[in-house]
Amino acid sequence: MRRLEIPDQALLLASLRQAARQSPQAAFLHRLHCLHLLSLGFSCYQVAQWFGKDPKTLERWVHRYLKLGEKGLRPQEKPGRKSLLDAAQLGILKLDLDRSPRAFGYQEERWSGRLLVRHIEKRFKVALSLRQCQRLLRRFRHDAAELWRSLEGRKARLQVKPKICKKN
């Protein structure tokens, strides 16, 4: 049987990271998978490099697992005020921001904080402050920029292919 190749590893890695960030269940399974690899004898440094994590993060996961069991690997509730937009609405908003404001009947060519305030009010019937809308714009632009960097700029780092079937 010949070796399987994934043609665009950067795209795969970016999508896996994105999925793990967006879904608590996916993040939990990712942590379990990393711990499984560690239990098979791979080092923290190898696993961390494969998944783009810091080895110290993996060490923390191991300690939390030993102390709390599976519960220690589940994403914890983050402190602070709950978002006025739920995850589904944020997903829709992100898709909206990928399109031109003109597609929604606005005269502006680019998204701005003020325009986003109006758009969210019209679309979701939620009033957000100008500053919060500016943060959302920066966050979604950062996500898009990170995805672009992972597709283009990180290919050189990913030329080193992990040997998944062999132990050191």
N, C-alpha and C. Protein backbone atom coordinates (compact mmCIF):
# COMPACT_ATOMS: atom_id res chain seq x y z
N MET A 1 0.85 -1.18 0.00
CA MET A 1 0.00 0.00 0.00
C MET A 1 0.89 1.23 0.00
N ARG A 2 0.59 2.15 -0.87
CA ARG A 2 1.45 3.33 -0.95
C ARG A 2 1.03 4.38 0.08
N ARG A 3 1.98 5.24 0.38
CA ARG A 3 1.78 6.27 1.40
C ARG A 3 0.77 7.31 0.92
N LEU A 4 -0.13 7.68 1.80
CA LEU A 4 -1.13 8.70 1.48
C LEU A 4 -0.51 10.09 1.64
N GLU A 5 -0.82 10.96 0.71
CA GLU A 5 -0.31 12.34 0.74
C GLU A 5 -1.49 13.30 0.83
N ILE A 6 -1.34 14.32 1.62
CA ILE A 6 -2.32 15.40 1.68
C ILE A 6 -1.71 16.57 0.92
N PRO A 7 -2.33 16.96 -0.21
CA PRO A 7 -1.70 17.95 -1.08
C PRO A 7 -1.49 19.32 -0.44
N ASP A 8 -2.46 19.83 0.27
CA ASP A 8 -2.31 21.17 0.85
C ASP A 8 -2.38 21.05 2.37
N GLN A 9 -1.26 20.75 2.99
CA GLN A 9 -1.22 20.55 4.43
C GLN A 9 -1.52 21.83 5.19
N ALA A 10 -1.13 22.96 4.64
CA ALA A 10 -1.36 24.24 5.32
C ALA A 10 -2.86 24.51 5.46
N LEU A 11 -3.61 24.22 4.40
CA LEU A 11 -5.05 24.43 4.45
C LEU A 11 -5.70 23.49 5.47
N LEU A 12 -5.26 22.23 5.47
CA LEU A 12 -5.80 21.26 6.43
C LEU A 12 -5.51 21.71 7.86
N LEU A 13 -4.29 22.11 8.12
CA LEU A 13 -3.91 22.55 9.46
C LEU A 13 -4.72 23.77 9.89
N ALA A 14 -4.90 24.72 8.99
CA ALA A 14 -5.67 25.93 9.32
C ALA A 14 -7.12 25.57 9.63
N SER A 15 -7.70 24.65 8.84
CA SER A 15 -9.10 24.28 9.11
C SER A 15 -9.25 23.52 10.41
N LEU A 16 -8.27 22.66 10.73
CA LEU A 16 -8.33 21.93 12.00
C LEU A 16 -8.25 22.89 13.18
N ARG A 17 -7.36 23.85 13.10
CA ARG A 17 -7.23 24.83 14.19
C ARG A 17 -8.51 25.64 14.34
N GLN A 18 -9.08 26.04 13.21
CA GLN A 18 -10.31 26.82 13.24
C GLN A 18 -11.44 26.02 13.87
N ALA A 19 -11.57 24.75 13.49
CA ALA A 19 -12.63 23.90 14.03
C ALA A 19 -12.45 23.69 15.52
N ALA A 20 -11.21 23.48 15.95
CA ALA A 20 -10.95 23.26 17.38
C ALA A 20 -11.27 24.50 18.20
N ARG A 21 -11.08 25.69 17.61
CA ARG A 21 -11.39 26.92 18.34
C ARG A 21 -12.89 27.17 18.43
N GLN A 22 -13.63 26.77 17.41
CA GLN A 22 -15.04 27.14 17.34
C GLN A 22 -15.95 26.16 18.08
N SER A 23 -15.55 24.91 18.20
CA SER A 23 -16.43 23.92 18.81
C SER A 23 -15.81 23.39 20.09
N PRO A 24 -16.53 23.49 21.21
CA PRO A 24 -16.00 22.94 22.46
C PRO A 24 -15.76 21.43 22.38
N GLN A 25 -16.63 20.72 21.66
CA GLN A 25 -16.46 19.27 21.51
C GLN A 25 -15.21 18.96 20.70
N ALA A 26 -14.97 19.72 19.64
CA ALA A 26 -13.79 19.50 18.81
C ALA A 26 -12.52 19.80 19.61
N ALA A 27 -12.55 20.84 20.43
CA ALA A 27 -11.38 21.17 21.27
C ALA A 27 -11.11 20.04 22.25
N PHE A 28 -12.15 19.49 22.84
CA PHE A 28 -12.01 18.37 23.78
C PHE A 28 -11.40 17.16 23.08
N LEU A 29 -11.92 16.82 21.91
CA LEU A 29 -11.40 15.67 21.17
C LEU A 29 -9.95 15.89 20.72
N HIS A 30 -9.62 17.12 20.36
CA HIS A 30 -8.24 17.45 19.99
C HIS A 30 -7.30 17.21 21.17
N ARG A 31 -7.71 17.64 22.35
CA ARG A 31 -6.88 17.45 23.54
C ARG A 31 -6.74 15.96 23.86
N LEU A 32 -7.83 15.22 23.73
CA LEU A 32 -7.77 13.77 23.95
C LEU A 32 -6.81 13.11 22.97
N HIS A 33 -6.88 13.53 21.72
CA HIS A 33 -6.00 12.98 20.70
C HIS A 33 -4.53 13.26 21.03
N CYS A 34 -4.24 14.47 21.45
CA CYS A 34 -2.86 14.81 21.82
C CYS A 34 -2.39 13.95 22.99
N LEU A 35 -3.25 13.77 24.00
CA LEU A 35 -2.88 12.94 25.14
C LEU A 35 -2.69 11.48 24.73
N HIS A 36 -3.50 11.03 23.79
CA HIS A 36 -3.34 9.67 23.29
C HIS A 36 -1.97 9.50 22.64
N LEU A 37 -1.56 10.46 21.83
CA LEU A 37 -0.23 10.39 21.21
C LEU A 37 0.88 10.40 22.26
N LEU A 38 0.69 11.20 23.31
CA LEU A 38 1.68 11.22 24.39
C LEU A 38 1.73 9.86 25.09
N SER A 39 0.57 9.25 25.27
CA SER A 39 0.53 7.94 25.95
C SER A 39 1.17 6.85 25.10
N LEU A 40 1.24 7.06 23.79
CA LEU A 40 1.89 6.09 22.91
C LEU A 40 3.41 6.24 22.91
N GLY A 41 3.89 7.26 23.59
CA GLY A 41 5.34 7.43 23.72
C GLY A 41 5.94 8.59 22.96
N PHE A 42 5.14 9.34 22.25
CA PHE A 42 5.67 10.50 21.55
C PHE A 42 5.94 11.60 22.58
N SER A 43 6.94 12.42 22.31
CA SER A 43 7.30 13.47 23.27
C SER A 43 6.37 14.67 23.13
N CYS A 44 6.32 15.47 24.19
CA CYS A 44 5.52 16.70 24.16
C CYS A 44 5.98 17.60 23.02
N TYR A 45 7.27 17.61 22.77
CA TYR A 45 7.82 18.49 21.75
C TYR A 45 7.38 18.07 20.34
N GLN A 46 7.34 16.73 20.10
CA GLN A 46 6.89 16.24 18.80
C GLN A 46 5.42 16.58 18.57
N VAL A 47 4.59 16.21 19.53
CA VAL A 47 3.15 16.43 19.39
C VAL A 47 2.85 17.92 19.29
N ALA A 48 3.52 18.72 20.08
CA ALA A 48 3.31 20.17 20.04
C ALA A 48 3.67 20.72 18.66
N GLN A 49 4.75 20.25 18.09
CA GLN A 49 5.16 20.73 16.77
C GLN A 49 4.14 20.32 15.71
N TRP A 50 3.65 19.10 15.78
CA TRP A 50 2.69 18.63 14.78
C TRP A 50 1.41 19.44 14.78
N PHE A 51 0.98 19.85 15.99
CA PHE A 51 -0.31 20.53 16.10
C PHE A 51 -0.18 22.04 16.31
N GLY A 52 1.03 22.56 16.25
CA GLY A 52 1.21 24.00 16.39
C GLY A 52 0.90 24.51 17.78
N LYS A 53 1.20 23.71 18.78
CA LYS A 53 0.96 24.08 20.18
C LYS A 53 2.30 24.28 20.87
N ASP A 54 2.25 24.87 22.05
CA ASP A 54 3.42 24.99 22.88
C ASP A 54 3.52 23.72 23.73
N PRO A 55 4.72 23.15 23.90
CA PRO A 55 4.85 21.95 24.73
C PRO A 55 4.31 22.15 26.15
N LYS A 56 4.45 23.35 26.68
CA LYS A 56 3.95 23.64 28.02
C LYS A 56 2.43 23.47 28.08
N THR A 57 1.73 23.81 26.99
CA THR A 57 0.29 23.62 26.93
C THR A 57 -0.06 22.14 27.09
N LEU A 58 0.68 21.30 26.38
CA LEU A 58 0.44 19.86 26.49
C LEU A 58 0.71 19.37 27.91
N GLU A 59 1.74 19.89 28.53
CA GLU A 59 2.04 19.51 29.92
C GLU A 59 0.87 19.90 30.84
N ARG A 60 0.32 21.10 30.63
CA ARG A 60 -0.82 21.52 31.44
C ARG A 60 -2.02 20.60 31.23
N TRP A 61 -2.26 20.18 29.98
CA TRP A 61 -3.36 19.26 29.70
C TRP A 61 -3.16 17.94 30.43
N VAL A 62 -1.93 17.44 30.43
CA VAL A 62 -1.64 16.17 31.12
C VAL A 62 -1.91 16.33 32.61
N HIS A 63 -1.42 17.40 33.20
CA HIS A 63 -1.63 17.61 34.65
C HIS A 63 -3.11 17.75 34.98
N ARG A 64 -3.84 18.49 34.15
CA ARG A 64 -5.28 18.64 34.40
C ARG A 64 -6.01 17.32 34.24
N TYR A 65 -5.58 16.51 33.27
CA TYR A 65 -6.20 15.20 33.08
C TYR A 65 -5.93 14.29 34.28
N LEU A 66 -4.69 14.31 34.77
CA LEU A 66 -4.35 13.47 35.92
C LEU A 66 -5.10 13.91 37.18
N LYS A 67 -5.33 15.20 37.29
CA LYS A 67 -5.99 15.73 38.48
C LYS A 67 -7.52 15.60 38.41
N LEU A 68 -8.10 15.92 37.22
CA LEU A 68 -9.56 16.01 37.11
C LEU A 68 -10.19 14.98 36.17
N GLY A 69 -9.37 14.19 35.49
CA GLY A 69 -9.91 13.24 34.52
C GLY A 69 -10.35 13.94 33.25
N GLU A 70 -11.34 13.34 32.58
CA GLU A 70 -11.83 13.92 31.32
C GLU A 70 -12.32 15.35 31.48
N LYS A 71 -12.90 15.63 32.63
CA LYS A 71 -13.43 16.97 32.89
C LYS A 71 -12.34 18.04 32.75
N GLY A 72 -11.11 17.67 33.10
CA GLY A 72 -10.01 18.62 33.01
C GLY A 72 -9.64 18.99 31.58
N LEU A 73 -10.06 18.18 30.61
CA LEU A 73 -9.74 18.47 29.21
C LEU A 73 -10.85 19.25 28.51
N ARG A 74 -12.01 19.31 29.12
CA ARG A 74 -13.13 20.04 28.50
C ARG A 74 -12.89 21.54 28.65
N PRO A 75 -13.24 22.30 27.61
CA PRO A 75 -13.07 23.76 27.71
C PRO A 75 -13.86 24.31 28.89
N GLN A 76 -13.22 25.21 29.62
CA GLN A 76 -13.85 25.77 30.81
C GLN A 76 -14.65 27.01 30.43
N GLU A 77 -15.66 27.27 31.22
CA GLU A 77 -16.46 28.48 31.02
C GLU A 77 -15.57 29.69 31.25
N LYS A 78 -15.58 30.61 30.32
CA LYS A 78 -14.73 31.79 30.44
C LYS A 78 -15.46 32.87 31.24
N PRO A 79 -14.74 33.55 32.11
CA PRO A 79 -15.37 34.60 32.89
C PRO A 79 -15.69 35.82 32.02
N GLY A 80 -16.59 36.62 32.52
CA GLY A 80 -16.92 37.85 31.81
C GLY A 80 -18.35 37.86 31.32
N ARG A 81 -18.72 38.95 30.77
CA ARG A 81 -20.08 39.14 30.27
C ARG A 81 -20.30 38.27 29.04
N LYS A 82 -21.48 37.71 28.95
CA LYS A 82 -21.84 36.91 27.79
C LYS A 82 -22.04 37.82 26.58
N SER A 83 -21.72 37.30 25.42
CA SER A 83 -21.87 38.05 24.19
C SER A 83 -23.35 38.26 23.87
N LEU A 84 -23.67 39.41 23.32
CA LEU A 84 -25.04 39.67 22.90
C LEU A 84 -25.39 38.89 21.63
N LEU A 85 -24.36 38.51 20.86
CA LEU A 85 -24.56 37.69 19.68
C LEU A 85 -24.12 36.27 19.99
N ASP A 86 -24.96 35.28 19.68
CA ASP A 86 -24.58 33.89 19.94
C ASP A 86 -23.64 33.40 18.84
N ALA A 87 -23.17 32.17 18.97
CA ALA A 87 -22.19 31.61 18.03
C ALA A 87 -22.75 31.57 16.61
N ALA A 88 -24.01 31.20 16.47
CA ALA A 88 -24.61 31.13 15.13
C ALA A 88 -24.66 32.52 14.48
N GLN A 89 -25.05 33.52 15.27
CA GLN A 89 -25.11 34.88 14.74
C GLN A 89 -23.72 35.39 14.37
N LEU A 90 -22.71 35.05 15.18
CA LEU A 90 -21.34 35.46 14.85
C LEU A 90 -20.88 34.80 13.56
N GLY A 91 -21.26 33.54 13.36
CA GLY A 91 -20.92 32.86 12.12
C GLY A 91 -21.55 33.53 10.91
N ILE A 92 -22.82 33.90 11.05
CA ILE A 92 -23.52 34.61 9.97
C ILE A 92 -22.87 35.95 9.72
N LEU A 93 -22.52 36.65 10.80
CA LEU A 93 -21.88 37.95 10.67
C LEU A 93 -20.54 37.84 9.95
N LYS A 94 -19.79 36.81 10.29
CA LYS A 94 -18.50 36.61 9.63
C LYS A 94 -18.69 36.43 8.12
N LEU A 95 -19.70 35.65 7.74
CA LEU A 95 -20.00 35.47 6.32
C LEU A 95 -20.43 36.80 5.68
N ASP A 96 -21.21 37.58 6.43
CA ASP A 96 -21.64 38.89 5.92
C ASP A 96 -20.43 39.78 5.66
N LEU A 97 -19.47 39.75 6.57
CA LEU A 97 -18.30 40.62 6.44
C LEU A 97 -17.37 40.19 5.31
N ASP A 98 -17.52 38.94 4.86
CA ASP A 98 -16.74 38.48 3.71
C ASP A 98 -17.28 39.07 2.41
N ARG A 99 -18.51 39.56 2.46
CA ARG A 99 -19.12 40.17 1.29
C ARG A 99 -19.01 41.70 1.38
N SER A 100 -19.23 42.33 0.27
CA SER A 100 -19.19 43.79 0.23
C SER A 100 -20.43 44.36 0.92
N PRO A 101 -20.31 45.52 1.58
CA PRO A 101 -21.50 46.15 2.16
C PRO A 101 -22.57 46.46 1.11
N ARG A 102 -22.15 46.66 -0.12
CA ARG A 102 -23.10 46.97 -1.20
C ARG A 102 -24.05 45.79 -1.46
N ALA A 103 -23.60 44.56 -1.13
CA ALA A 103 -24.47 43.39 -1.31
C ALA A 103 -25.68 43.46 -0.39
N PHE A 104 -25.59 44.29 0.66
CA PHE A 104 -26.68 44.43 1.62
C PHE A 104 -27.43 45.76 1.43
N GLY A 105 -27.11 46.47 0.36
CA GLY A 105 -27.82 47.70 0.06
C GLY A 105 -27.20 48.95 0.66
N TYR A 106 -26.01 48.84 1.23
CA TYR A 106 -25.34 50.02 1.78
C TYR A 106 -24.55 50.72 0.68
N GLN A 107 -24.31 52.01 0.84
CA GLN A 107 -23.58 52.76 -0.16
C GLN A 107 -22.06 52.63 0.00
N GLU A 108 -21.60 52.32 1.22
CA GLU A 108 -20.18 52.23 1.49
C GLU A 108 -19.55 51.05 0.76
N GLU A 109 -18.27 51.21 0.43
CA GLU A 109 -17.55 50.14 -0.25
C GLU A 109 -16.87 49.20 0.74
N ARG A 110 -16.52 49.70 1.92
CA ARG A 110 -15.81 48.89 2.92
C ARG A 110 -16.56 48.92 4.23
N TRP A 111 -16.37 47.87 5.03
CA TRP A 111 -17.00 47.81 6.34
C TRP A 111 -16.27 48.74 7.30
N SER A 112 -17.03 49.45 8.10
CA SER A 112 -16.47 50.29 9.16
C SER A 112 -17.23 49.96 10.44
N GLY A 113 -16.74 50.46 11.55
CA GLY A 113 -17.41 50.22 12.82
C GLY A 113 -18.83 50.77 12.82
N ARG A 114 -18.98 51.99 12.33
CA ARG A 114 -20.32 52.61 12.30
C ARG A 114 -21.29 51.83 11.41
N LEU A 115 -20.79 51.40 10.27
CA LEU A 115 -21.64 50.63 9.36
C LEU A 115 -22.02 49.29 9.98
N LEU A 116 -21.08 48.68 10.69
CA LEU A 116 -21.36 47.39 11.32
C LEU A 116 -22.40 47.54 12.44
N VAL A 117 -22.36 48.65 13.17
CA VAL A 117 -23.38 48.92 14.19
C VAL A 117 -24.76 48.89 13.54
N ARG A 118 -24.91 49.62 12.43
CA ARG A 118 -26.21 49.66 11.72
C ARG A 118 -26.60 48.28 11.20
N HIS A 119 -25.63 47.57 10.63
CA HIS A 119 -25.91 46.26 10.04
C HIS A 119 -26.37 45.26 11.10
N ILE A 120 -25.71 45.22 12.24
CA ILE A 120 -26.08 44.29 13.30
C ILE A 120 -27.46 44.63 13.86
N GLU A 121 -27.72 45.92 13.99
CA GLU A 121 -29.03 46.35 14.48
C GLU A 121 -30.14 45.92 13.52
N LYS A 122 -29.88 46.11 12.24
CA LYS A 122 -30.87 45.77 11.22
C LYS A 122 -31.03 44.25 11.09
N ARG A 123 -29.91 43.54 11.10
CA ARG A 123 -29.95 42.09 10.83
C ARG A 123 -30.36 41.26 12.03
N PHE A 124 -29.84 41.61 13.23
CA PHE A 124 -30.06 40.77 14.42
C PHE A 124 -30.89 41.45 15.50
N LYS A 125 -31.26 42.71 15.27
CA LYS A 125 -32.04 43.46 16.27
C LYS A 125 -31.30 43.54 17.61
N VAL A 126 -29.98 43.75 17.52
CA VAL A 126 -29.13 43.85 18.71
C VAL A 126 -28.32 45.13 18.59
N ALA A 127 -28.27 45.90 19.68
CA ALA A 127 -27.52 47.14 19.68
C ALA A 127 -26.15 46.92 20.32
N LEU A 128 -25.10 47.06 19.52
CA LEU A 128 -23.73 46.97 20.03
C LEU A 128 -23.09 48.34 19.93
N SER A 129 -22.11 48.57 20.79
CA SER A 129 -21.41 49.86 20.75
C SER A 129 -20.47 49.91 19.55
N LEU A 130 -20.09 51.12 19.20
CA LEU A 130 -19.15 51.31 18.10
C LEU A 130 -17.85 50.58 18.39
N ARG A 131 -17.37 50.69 19.62
CA ARG A 131 -16.10 50.04 19.99
C ARG A 131 -16.18 48.53 19.85
N GLN A 132 -17.31 47.94 20.27
CA GLN A 132 -17.47 46.49 20.16
C GLN A 132 -17.49 46.06 18.69
N CYS A 133 -18.12 46.85 17.86
CA CYS A 133 -18.14 46.53 16.43
C CYS A 133 -16.75 46.65 15.81
N GLN A 134 -15.98 47.63 16.28
CA GLN A 134 -14.59 47.75 15.80
C GLN A 134 -13.77 46.52 16.21
N ARG A 135 -14.02 46.04 17.42
CA ARG A 135 -13.33 44.82 17.88
C ARG A 135 -13.70 43.61 17.01
N LEU A 136 -15.00 43.51 16.69
CA LEU A 136 -15.44 42.41 15.85
C LEU A 136 -14.78 42.47 14.47
N LEU A 137 -14.71 43.67 13.90
CA LEU A 137 -14.05 43.83 12.60
C LEU A 137 -12.60 43.39 12.67
N ARG A 138 -11.90 43.83 13.71
CA ARG A 138 -10.49 43.46 13.86
C ARG A 138 -10.34 41.95 14.05
N ARG A 139 -11.23 41.39 14.84
CA ARG A 139 -11.17 39.94 15.11
C ARG A 139 -11.38 39.13 13.83
N PHE A 140 -12.37 39.48 13.04
CA PHE A 140 -12.65 38.73 11.83
C PHE A 140 -11.59 38.98 10.77
N ARG A 141 -11.05 40.17 10.72
CA ARG A 141 -9.96 40.42 9.77
C ARG A 141 -8.72 39.64 10.19
N HIS A 142 -8.50 39.54 11.51
CA HIS A 142 -7.36 38.78 12.02
C HIS A 142 -7.52 37.31 11.66
N ASP A 143 -8.73 36.75 11.81
CA ASP A 143 -8.99 35.35 11.45
C ASP A 143 -8.70 35.12 9.97
N ALA A 144 -9.16 36.05 9.13
CA ALA A 144 -8.94 35.92 7.70
C ALA A 144 -7.45 36.04 7.38
N ALA A 145 -6.78 36.98 8.05
CA ALA A 145 -5.34 37.15 7.81
C ALA A 145 -4.57 35.92 8.29
N GLU A 146 -4.99 35.35 9.42
CA GLU A 146 -4.31 34.15 9.93
C GLU A 146 -4.48 32.99 8.96
N LEU A 147 -5.68 32.83 8.44
CA LEU A 147 -5.92 31.77 7.48
C LEU A 147 -5.05 31.98 6.25
N TRP A 148 -4.96 33.23 5.76
CA TRP A 148 -4.14 33.52 4.59
C TRP A 148 -2.67 33.22 4.88
N ARG A 149 -2.18 33.65 6.06
CA ARG A 149 -0.79 33.38 6.41
C ARG A 149 -0.53 31.89 6.49
N SER A 150 -1.49 31.15 7.05
CA SER A 150 -1.28 29.72 7.18
C SER A 150 -1.29 29.04 5.83
N LEU A 151 -2.00 29.61 4.87
CA LEU A 151 -2.02 29.03 3.53
C LEU A 151 -0.76 29.38 2.75
N GLU A 152 -0.26 30.58 2.91
CA GLU A 152 0.87 31.05 2.11
C GLU A 152 2.20 31.05 2.85
N GLY A 153 2.25 31.77 3.98
CA GLY A 153 3.52 32.02 4.63
C GLY A 153 4.09 30.87 5.42
N ARG A 154 3.28 29.90 5.82
CA ARG A 154 3.77 28.83 6.67
C ARG A 154 4.11 27.56 5.92
N LYS A 155 3.98 27.57 4.62
CA LYS A 155 4.26 26.35 3.86
C LYS A 155 5.69 25.89 4.07
N ALA A 156 6.60 26.81 4.21
CA ALA A 156 8.00 26.43 4.40
C ALA A 156 8.19 25.63 5.69
N ARG A 157 7.51 26.06 6.75
CA ARG A 157 7.62 25.35 8.02
C ARG A 157 6.99 23.97 7.95
N LEU A 158 6.00 23.82 7.11
CA LEU A 158 5.27 22.56 7.04
C LEU A 158 5.91 21.56 6.07
N GLN A 159 7.03 21.93 5.50
CA GLN A 159 7.71 20.99 4.61
C GLN A 159 8.21 19.77 5.37
N VAL A 160 8.44 19.94 6.68
CA VAL A 160 8.84 18.82 7.51
C VAL A 160 7.58 18.04 7.83
N LYS A 161 7.49 16.82 7.30
CA LYS A 161 6.29 16.02 7.48
C LYS A 161 6.46 15.11 8.69
N PRO A 162 5.50 15.11 9.60
CA PRO A 162 5.62 14.24 10.77
C PRO A 162 5.48 12.77 10.37
N LYS A 163 6.28 11.94 10.99
CA LYS A 163 6.19 10.51 10.75
C LYS A 163 5.24 9.96 11.80
N ILE A 164 4.00 9.80 11.41
CA ILE A 164 2.95 9.46 12.36
C ILE A 164 3.06 8.01 12.83
N CYS A 165 3.56 7.16 11.98
CA CYS A 165 3.58 5.72 12.32
C CYS A 165 4.82 5.28 13.06
N LYS A 166 5.84 6.11 13.15
CA LYS A 166 7.09 5.69 13.79
C LYS A 166 7.30 6.43 15.09
N LYS A 167 7.87 5.72 16.05
CA LYS A 167 8.26 6.35 17.32
C LYS A 167 9.72 6.67 17.27
N ASN A 168 10.15 7.67 18.03
CA ASN A 168 11.58 7.99 18.12
C ASN A 168 12.23 7.13 19.16
